[in-house]
Amino acid sequence: MQPEALALLVTWEMPYGKYKGRLIADLPGHYLGWFAREGFPSGELGALLALMYELDHNALRHLLDPLRKKDRKQTF
């Protein structure tokens, strides 16, 4: 895993599906679990979804909180 990937989780939006437009970091666990069972898409999106699944599955979502705060400071 590259550290930059964690920052992408709080900036990239889901490009399609039921949760289109929602940040990858905000996708519900059951949706990430569905991808884990059915297969992640190819490319960078799939890698980010797989990373988010691992964070969610291992109760590590809180690791993204400092990145969210940093991202908010940059937008103001």
PDB file of N, CA and C in Angstrom:
ATOM      1  N   MET A   1       0.825  -1.176   0.000  1.00  0.00           N
ATOM      2  CA  MET A   1       0.000   0.000   0.000  1.00  0.00           C
ATOM      3  C   MET A   1       0.872   1.243   0.000  1.00  0.00           C
ATOM      4  N   GLN A   2       0.457   2.225  -0.756  1.00  0.00           N
ATOM      5  CA  GLN A   2       1.153   3.502  -0.789  1.00  0.00           C
ATOM      6  C   GLN A   2       0.388   4.501   0.073  1.00  0.00           C
ATOM      7  N   PRO A   3       1.095   5.323   0.835  1.00  0.00           N
ATOM      8  CA  PRO A   3       0.410   6.294   1.705  1.00  0.00           C
ATOM      9  C   PRO A   3      -0.536   7.228   0.937  1.00  0.00           C
ATOM     10  N   GLU A   4      -0.201   7.531  -0.297  1.00  0.00           N
ATOM     11  CA  GLU A   4      -1.050   8.413  -1.104  1.00  0.00           C
ATOM     12  C   GLU A   4      -2.435   7.808  -1.318  1.00  0.00           C
ATOM     13  N   ALA A   5      -2.518   6.493  -1.298  1.00  0.00           N
ATOM     14  CA  ALA A   5      -3.797   5.815  -1.516  1.00  0.00           C
ATOM     15  C   ALA A   5      -4.789   6.162  -0.412  1.00  0.00           C
ATOM     16  N   LEU A   6      -4.315   6.328   0.813  1.00  0.00           N
ATOM     17  CA  LEU A   6      -5.209   6.691   1.911  1.00  0.00           C
ATOM     18  C   LEU A   6      -5.827   8.068   1.666  1.00  0.00           C
ATOM     19  N   ALA A   7      -5.034   8.992   1.165  1.00  0.00           N
ATOM     20  CA  ALA A   7      -5.554  10.329   0.865  1.00  0.00           C
ATOM     21  C   ALA A   7      -6.586  10.281  -0.254  1.00  0.00           C
ATOM     22  N   LEU A   8      -6.398   9.379  -1.194  1.00  0.00           N
ATOM     23  CA  LEU A   8      -7.364   9.263  -2.294  1.00  0.00           C
ATOM     24  C   LEU A   8      -8.725   8.773  -1.801  1.00  0.00           C
ATOM     25  N   LEU A   9      -8.730   7.984  -0.748  1.00  0.00           N
ATOM     26  CA  LEU A   9     -10.000   7.465  -0.222  1.00  0.00           C
ATOM     27  C   LEU A   9     -10.926   8.581   0.242  1.00  0.00           C
ATOM     28  N   VAL A  10     -10.362   9.699   0.692  1.00  0.00           N
ATOM     29  CA  VAL A  10     -11.191  10.800   1.196  1.00  0.00           C
ATOM     30  C   VAL A  10     -11.415  11.886   0.138  1.00  0.00           C
ATOM     31  N   THR A  11     -10.948  11.629  -1.095  1.00  0.00           N
ATOM     32  CA  THR A  11     -11.164  12.618  -2.163  1.00  0.00           C
ATOM     33  C   THR A  11     -11.883  12.037  -3.380  1.00  0.00           C
ATOM     34  N   TRP A  12     -11.710  10.742  -3.641  1.00  0.00           N
ATOM     35  CA  TRP A  12     -12.343  10.124  -4.810  1.00  0.00           C
ATOM     36  C   TRP A  12     -13.798   9.803  -4.531  1.00  0.00           C
ATOM     37  N   GLU A  13     -14.619  10.057  -5.520  1.00  0.00           N
ATOM     38  CA  GLU A  13     -16.036   9.695  -5.431  1.00  0.00           C
ATOM     39  C   GLU A  13     -16.297   8.428  -6.237  1.00  0.00           C
ATOM     40  N   MET A  14     -17.260   7.666  -5.764  1.00  0.00           N
ATOM     41  CA  MET A  14     -17.675   6.465  -6.492  1.00  0.00           C
ATOM     42  C   MET A  14     -18.269   6.917  -7.819  1.00  0.00           C
ATOM     43  N   PRO A  15     -17.768   6.404  -8.952  1.00  0.00           N
ATOM     44  CA  PRO A  15     -18.210   6.904 -10.263  1.00  0.00           C
ATOM     45  C   PRO A  15     -19.515   6.301 -10.783  1.00  0.00           C
ATOM     46  N   TYR A  16     -20.033   5.262 -10.152  1.00  0.00           N
ATOM     47  CA  TYR A  16     -21.238   4.609 -10.673  1.00  0.00           C
ATOM     48  C   TYR A  16     -21.944   3.840  -9.558  1.00  0.00           C
ATOM     49  N   GLY A  17     -23.132   3.351  -9.889  1.00  0.00           N
ATOM     50  CA  GLY A  17     -23.862   2.485  -8.974  1.00  0.00           C
ATOM     51  C   GLY A  17     -24.725   3.239  -7.979  1.00  0.00           C
ATOM     52  N   LYS A  18     -25.237   2.494  -7.040  1.00  0.00           N
ATOM     53  CA  LYS A  18     -26.154   3.021  -6.037  1.00  0.00           C
ATOM     54  C   LYS A  18     -25.532   4.176  -5.247  1.00  0.00           C
ATOM     55  N   TYR A  19     -24.251   4.133  -5.031  1.00  0.00           N
ATOM     56  CA  TYR A  19     -23.569   5.148  -4.229  1.00  0.00           C
ATOM     57  C   TYR A  19     -22.725   6.099  -5.078  1.00  0.00           C
ATOM     58  N   LYS A  20     -23.128   6.299  -6.307  1.00  0.00           N
ATOM     59  CA  LYS A  20     -22.433   7.226  -7.207  1.00  0.00           C
ATOM     60  C   LYS A  20     -22.364   8.605  -6.548  1.00  0.00           C
ATOM     61  N   GLY A  21     -21.172   9.198  -6.578  1.00  0.00           N
ATOM     62  CA  GLY A  21     -20.970  10.518  -6.005  1.00  0.00           C
ATOM     63  C   GLY A  21     -20.547  10.520  -4.550  1.00  0.00           C
ATOM     64  N   ARG A  22     -20.624   9.381  -3.877  1.00  0.00           N
ATOM     65  CA  ARG A  22     -20.221   9.304  -2.471  1.00  0.00           C
ATOM     66  C   ARG A  22     -18.722   9.028  -2.406  1.00  0.00           C
ATOM     67  N   LEU A  23     -18.038   9.653  -1.455  1.00  0.00           N
ATOM     68  CA  LEU A  23     -16.612   9.390  -1.278  1.00  0.00           C
ATOM     69  C   LEU A  23     -16.386   7.914  -0.991  1.00  0.00           C
ATOM     70  N   ILE A  24     -15.304   7.382  -1.516  1.00  0.00           N
ATOM     71  CA  ILE A  24     -14.990   5.972  -1.276  1.00  0.00           C
ATOM     72  C   ILE A  24     -14.879   5.710   0.230  1.00  0.00           C
ATOM     73  N   ALA A  25     -14.332   6.664   0.965  1.00  0.00           N
ATOM     74  CA  ALA A  25     -14.196   6.504   2.418  1.00  0.00           C
ATOM     75  C   ALA A  25     -15.546   6.438   3.120  1.00  0.00           C
ATOM     76  N   ASP A  26     -16.603   6.908   2.461  1.00  0.00           N
ATOM     77  CA  ASP A  26     -17.933   6.926   3.078  1.00  0.00           C
ATOM     78  C   ASP A  26     -18.845   5.802   2.588  1.00  0.00           C
ATOM     79  N   LEU A  27     -18.326   4.896   1.792  1.00  0.00           N
ATOM     80  CA  LEU A  27     -19.146   3.784   1.314  1.00  0.00           C
ATOM     81  C   LEU A  27     -19.459   2.846   2.479  1.00  0.00           C
ATOM     82  N   PRO A  28     -20.687   2.337   2.532  1.00  0.00           N
ATOM     83  CA  PRO A  28     -21.033   1.430   3.642  1.00  0.00           C
ATOM     84  C   PRO A  28     -20.307   0.088   3.541  1.00  0.00           C
ATOM     85  N   GLY A  29     -20.093  -0.506   4.693  1.00  0.00           N
ATOM     86  CA  GLY A  29     -19.372  -1.776   4.758  1.00  0.00           C
ATOM     87  C   GLY A  29     -20.017  -2.884   3.971  1.00  0.00           C
ATOM     88  N   HIS A  30     -21.357  -2.946   3.952  1.00  0.00           N
ATOM     89  CA  HIS A  30     -22.013  -4.025   3.210  1.00  0.00           C
ATOM     90  C   HIS A  30     -21.762  -3.901   1.704  1.00  0.00           C
ATOM     91  N   TYR A  31     -21.632  -2.688   1.214  1.00  0.00           N
ATOM     92  CA  TYR A  31     -21.340  -2.471  -0.208  1.00  0.00           C
ATOM     93  C   TYR A  31     -19.904  -2.900  -0.527  1.00  0.00           C
ATOM     94  N   LEU A  32     -18.980  -2.548   0.345  1.00  0.00           N
ATOM     95  CA  LEU A  32     -17.589  -2.974   0.168  1.00  0.00           C
ATOM     96  C   LEU A  32     -17.472  -4.490   0.268  1.00  0.00           C
ATOM     97  N   GLY A  33     -18.249  -5.082   1.164  1.00  0.00           N
ATOM     98  CA  GLY A  33     -18.260  -6.539   1.295  1.00  0.00           C
ATOM     99  C   GLY A  33     -18.785  -7.218   0.051  1.00  0.00           C
ATOM    100  N   TRP A  34     -19.774  -6.591  -0.589  1.00  0.00           N
ATOM    101  CA  TRP A  34     -20.306  -7.146  -1.837  1.00  0.00           C
ATOM    102  C   TRP A  34     -19.206  -7.198  -2.894  1.00  0.00           C
ATOM    103  N   PHE A  35     -18.433  -6.121  -3.001  1.00  0.00           N
ATOM    104  CA  PHE A  35     -17.315  -6.123  -3.953  1.00  0.00           C
ATOM    105  C   PHE A  35     -16.301  -7.202  -3.590  1.00  0.00           C
ATOM    106  N   ALA A  36     -16.041  -7.373  -2.303  1.00  0.00           N
ATOM    107  CA  ALA A  36     -15.068  -8.390  -1.876  1.00  0.00           C
ATOM    108  C   ALA A  36     -15.529  -9.785  -2.289  1.00  0.00           C
ATOM    109  N   ARG A  37     -16.839 -10.031  -2.226  1.00  0.00           N
ATOM    110  CA  ARG A  37     -17.368 -11.341  -2.616  1.00  0.00           C
ATOM    111  C   ARG A  37     -17.457 -11.508  -4.136  1.00  0.00           C
ATOM    112  N   GLU A  38     -17.885 -10.457  -4.815  1.00  0.00           N
ATOM    113  CA  GLU A  38     -18.144 -10.541  -6.256  1.00  0.00           C
ATOM    114  C   GLU A  38     -16.940 -10.187  -7.122  1.00  0.00           C
ATOM    115  N   GLY A  39     -16.000  -9.475  -6.555  1.00  0.00           N
ATOM    116  CA  GLY A  39     -14.811  -9.064  -7.298  1.00  0.00           C
ATOM    117  C   GLY A  39     -14.726  -7.552  -7.430  1.00  0.00           C
ATOM    118  N   PHE A  40     -13.571  -7.021  -7.135  1.00  0.00           N
ATOM    119  CA  PHE A  40     -13.345  -5.590  -7.261  1.00  0.00           C
ATOM    120  C   PHE A  40     -13.099  -5.251  -8.727  1.00  0.00           C
ATOM    121  N   PRO A  41     -13.478  -4.047  -9.160  1.00  0.00           N
ATOM    122  CA  PRO A  41     -13.188  -3.645 -10.531  1.00  0.00           C
ATOM    123  C   PRO A  41     -11.673  -3.578 -10.747  1.00  0.00           C
ATOM    124  N   SER A  42     -11.278  -3.578 -11.977  1.00  0.00           N
ATOM    125  CA  SER A  42      -9.853  -3.492 -12.277  1.00  0.00           C
ATOM    126  C   SER A  42      -9.369  -2.057 -12.120  1.00  0.00           C
ATOM    127  N   GLY A  43      -8.087  -1.909 -12.083  1.00  0.00           N
ATOM    128  CA  GLY A  43      -7.483  -0.588 -12.054  1.00  0.00           C
ATOM    129  C   GLY A  43      -7.427   0.041 -10.675  1.00  0.00           C
ATOM    130  N   GLU A  44      -7.190   1.343 -10.688  1.00  0.00           N
ATOM    131  CA  GLU A  44      -7.005   2.075  -9.435  1.00  0.00           C
ATOM    132  C   GLU A  44      -8.267   2.096  -8.583  1.00  0.00           C
ATOM    133  N   LEU A  45      -9.429   2.200  -9.219  1.00  0.00           N
ATOM    134  CA  LEU A  45     -10.674   2.187  -8.460  1.00  0.00           C
ATOM    135  C   LEU A  45     -10.811   0.898  -7.665  1.00  0.00           C
ATOM    136  N   GLY A  46     -10.554  -0.222  -8.294  1.00  0.00           N
ATOM    137  CA  GLY A  46     -10.637  -1.505  -7.608  1.00  0.00           C
ATOM    138  C   GLY A  46      -9.652  -1.611  -6.459  1.00  0.00           C
ATOM    139  N   ALA A  47      -8.457  -1.099  -6.663  1.00  0.00           N
ATOM    140  CA  ALA A  47      -7.451  -1.127  -5.597  1.00  0.00           C
ATOM    141  C   ALA A  47      -7.897  -0.269  -4.413  1.00  0.00           C
ATOM    142  N   LEU A  48      -8.497   0.888  -4.693  1.00  0.00           N
ATOM    143  CA  LEU A  48      -8.973   1.751  -3.616  1.00  0.00           C
ATOM    144  C   LEU A  48     -10.156   1.125  -2.883  1.00  0.00           C
ATOM    145  N   LEU A  49     -11.061   0.502  -3.613  1.00  0.00           N
ATOM    146  CA  LEU A  49     -12.187  -0.175  -2.977  1.00  0.00           C
ATOM    147  C   LEU A  49     -11.700  -1.330  -2.103  1.00  0.00           C
ATOM    148  N   ALA A  50     -10.712  -2.064  -2.578  1.00  0.00           N
ATOM    149  CA  ALA A  50     -10.153  -3.169  -1.794  1.00  0.00           C
ATOM    150  C   ALA A  50      -9.478  -2.644  -0.526  1.00  0.00           C
ATOM    151  N   LEU A  51      -8.768  -1.539  -0.648  1.00  0.00           N
ATOM    152  CA  LEU A  51      -8.133  -0.938   0.520  1.00  0.00           C
ATOM    153  C   LEU A  51      -9.188  -0.469   1.526  1.00  0.00           C
ATOM    154  N   MET A  52     -10.236   0.167   1.024  1.00  0.00           N
ATOM    155  CA  MET A  52     -11.295   0.635   1.922  1.00  0.00           C
ATOM    156  C   MET A  52     -12.001  -0.535   2.587  1.00  0.00           C
ATOM    157  N   TYR A  53     -12.184  -1.623   1.854  1.00  0.00           N
ATOM    158  CA  TYR A  53     -12.775  -2.822   2.440  1.00  0.00           C
ATOM    159  C   TYR A  53     -11.914  -3.324   3.607  1.00  0.00           C
ATOM    160  N   GLU A  54     -10.609  -3.367   3.418  1.00  0.00           N
ATOM    161  CA  GLU A  54      -9.713  -3.840   4.485  1.00  0.00           C
ATOM    162  C   GLU A  54      -9.784  -2.929   5.709  1.00  0.00           C
ATOM    163  N   LEU A  55      -9.817  -1.626   5.473  1.00  0.00           N
ATOM    164  CA  LEU A  55      -9.930  -0.695   6.595  1.00  0.00           C
ATOM    165  C   LEU A  55     -11.248  -0.901   7.340  1.00  0.00           C
ATOM    166  N   ASP A  56     -12.339  -1.038   6.582  1.00  0.00           N
ATOM    167  CA  ASP A  56     -13.645  -1.230   7.194  1.00  0.00           C
ATOM    168  C   ASP A  56     -13.713  -2.568   7.932  1.00  0.00           C
ATOM    169  N   HIS A  57     -13.279  -3.609   7.285  1.00  0.00           N
ATOM    170  CA  HIS A  57     -13.351  -4.961   7.853  1.00  0.00           C
ATOM    171  C   HIS A  57     -12.548  -5.084   9.151  1.00  0.00           C
ATOM    172  N   ASN A  58     -11.459  -4.353   9.228  1.00  0.00           N
ATOM    173  CA  ASN A  58     -10.594  -4.416  10.403  1.00  0.00           C
ATOM    174  C   ASN A  58     -10.828  -3.251  11.378  1.00  0.00           C
ATOM    175  N   ALA A  59     -11.963  -2.570  11.207  1.00  0.00           N
ATOM    176  CA  ALA A  59     -12.357  -1.457  12.089  1.00  0.00           C
ATOM    177  C   ALA A  59     -11.284  -0.376  12.176  1.00  0.00           C
ATOM    178  N   LEU A  60     -10.746  -0.003  11.025  1.00  0.00           N
ATOM    179  CA  LEU A  60      -9.682   1.000  10.981  1.00  0.00           C
ATOM    180  C   LEU A  60     -10.101   2.276  10.237  1.00  0.00           C
ATOM    181  N   ARG A  61     -11.389   2.476  10.057  1.00  0.00           N
ATOM    182  CA  ARG A  61     -11.857   3.690   9.366  1.00  0.00           C
ATOM    183  C   ARG A  61     -11.353   4.961  10.036  1.00  0.00           C
ATOM    184  N   HIS A  62     -11.175   4.906  11.344  1.00  0.00           N
ATOM    185  CA  HIS A  62     -10.733   6.093  12.087  1.00  0.00           C
ATOM    186  C   HIS A  62      -9.370   6.599  11.617  1.00  0.00           C
ATOM    187  N   LEU A  63      -8.589   5.760  10.961  1.00  0.00           N
ATOM    188  CA  LEU A  63      -7.289   6.192  10.448  1.00  0.00           C
ATOM    189  C   LEU A  63      -7.423   7.276   9.376  1.00  0.00           C
ATOM    190  N   LEU A  64      -8.603   7.380   8.785  1.00  0.00           N
ATOM    191  CA  LEU A  64      -8.826   8.386   7.741  1.00  0.00           C
ATOM    192  C   LEU A  64      -9.225   9.741   8.311  1.00  0.00           C
ATOM    193  N   ASP A  65      -9.582   9.810   9.583  1.00  0.00           N
ATOM    194  CA  ASP A  65     -10.043  11.065  10.179  1.00  0.00           C
ATOM    195  C   ASP A  65      -9.039  12.213  10.043  1.00  0.00           C
ATOM    196  N   PRO A  66      -7.761  12.009  10.340  1.00  0.00           N
ATOM    197  CA  PRO A  66      -6.811  13.120  10.167  1.00  0.00           C
ATOM    198  C   PRO A  66      -6.716  13.583   8.706  1.00  0.00           C
ATOM    199  N   LEU A  67      -6.879  12.670   7.774  1.00  0.00           N
ATOM    200  CA  LEU A  67      -6.823  13.043   6.360  1.00  0.00           C
ATOM    201  C   LEU A  67      -8.044  13.857   5.966  1.00  0.00           C
ATOM    202  N   ARG A  68      -9.184  13.537   6.536  1.00  0.00           N
ATOM    203  CA  ARG A  68     -10.403  14.318   6.271  1.00  0.00           C
ATOM    204  C   ARG A  68     -10.223  15.742   6.780  1.00  0.00           C
ATOM    205  N   LYS A  69      -9.674  15.891   7.981  1.00  0.00           N
ATOM    206  CA  LYS A  69      -9.464  17.214   8.554  1.00  0.00           C
ATOM    207  C   LYS A  69      -8.462  18.012   7.726  1.00  0.00           C
ATOM    208  N   LYS A  70      -7.420  17.353   7.272  1.00  0.00           N
ATOM    209  CA  LYS A  70      -6.411  18.012   6.443  1.00  0.00           C
ATOM    210  C   LYS A  70      -7.032  18.468   5.132  1.00  0.00           C
ATOM    211  N   ASP A  71      -7.869  17.604   4.536  1.00  0.00           N
ATOM    212  CA  ASP A  71      -8.504  17.937   3.269  1.00  0.00           C
ATOM    213  C   ASP A  71      -9.431  19.138   3.441  1.00  0.00           C
ATOM    214  N   ARG A  72     -10.162  19.211   4.544  1.00  0.00           N
ATOM    215  CA  ARG A  72     -11.078  20.333   4.788  1.00  0.00           C
ATOM    216  C   ARG A  72     -10.308  21.641   4.925  1.00  0.00           C
ATOM    217  N   LYS A  73      -9.166  21.607   5.586  1.00  0.00           N
ATOM    218  CA  LYS A  73      -8.371  22.827   5.759  1.00  0.00           C
ATOM    219  C   LYS A  73      -7.907  23.368   4.411  1.00  0.00           C
ATOM    220  N   GLN A  74      -7.610  22.481   3.489  1.00  0.00           N
ATOM    221  CA  GLN A  74      -7.118  22.914   2.193  1.00  0.00           C
ATOM    222  C   GLN A  74      -8.213  23.508   1.334  1.00  0.00           C
ATOM    223  N   THR A  75      -9.467  23.159   1.572  1.00  0.00           N
ATOM    224  CA  THR A  75     -10.532  23.626   0.707  1.00  0.00           C
ATOM    225  C   THR A  75     -11.048  25.002   1.100  1.00  0.00           C
ATOM    226  N   PHE A  76     -10.735  25.479   2.320  1.00  0.00           N
ATOM    227  CA  PHE A  76     -11.246  26.785   2.762  1.00  0.00           C
ATOM    228  C   PHE A  76     -10.313  27.897   2.426  1.00  0.00           C
TER     229      PHE A  76
END
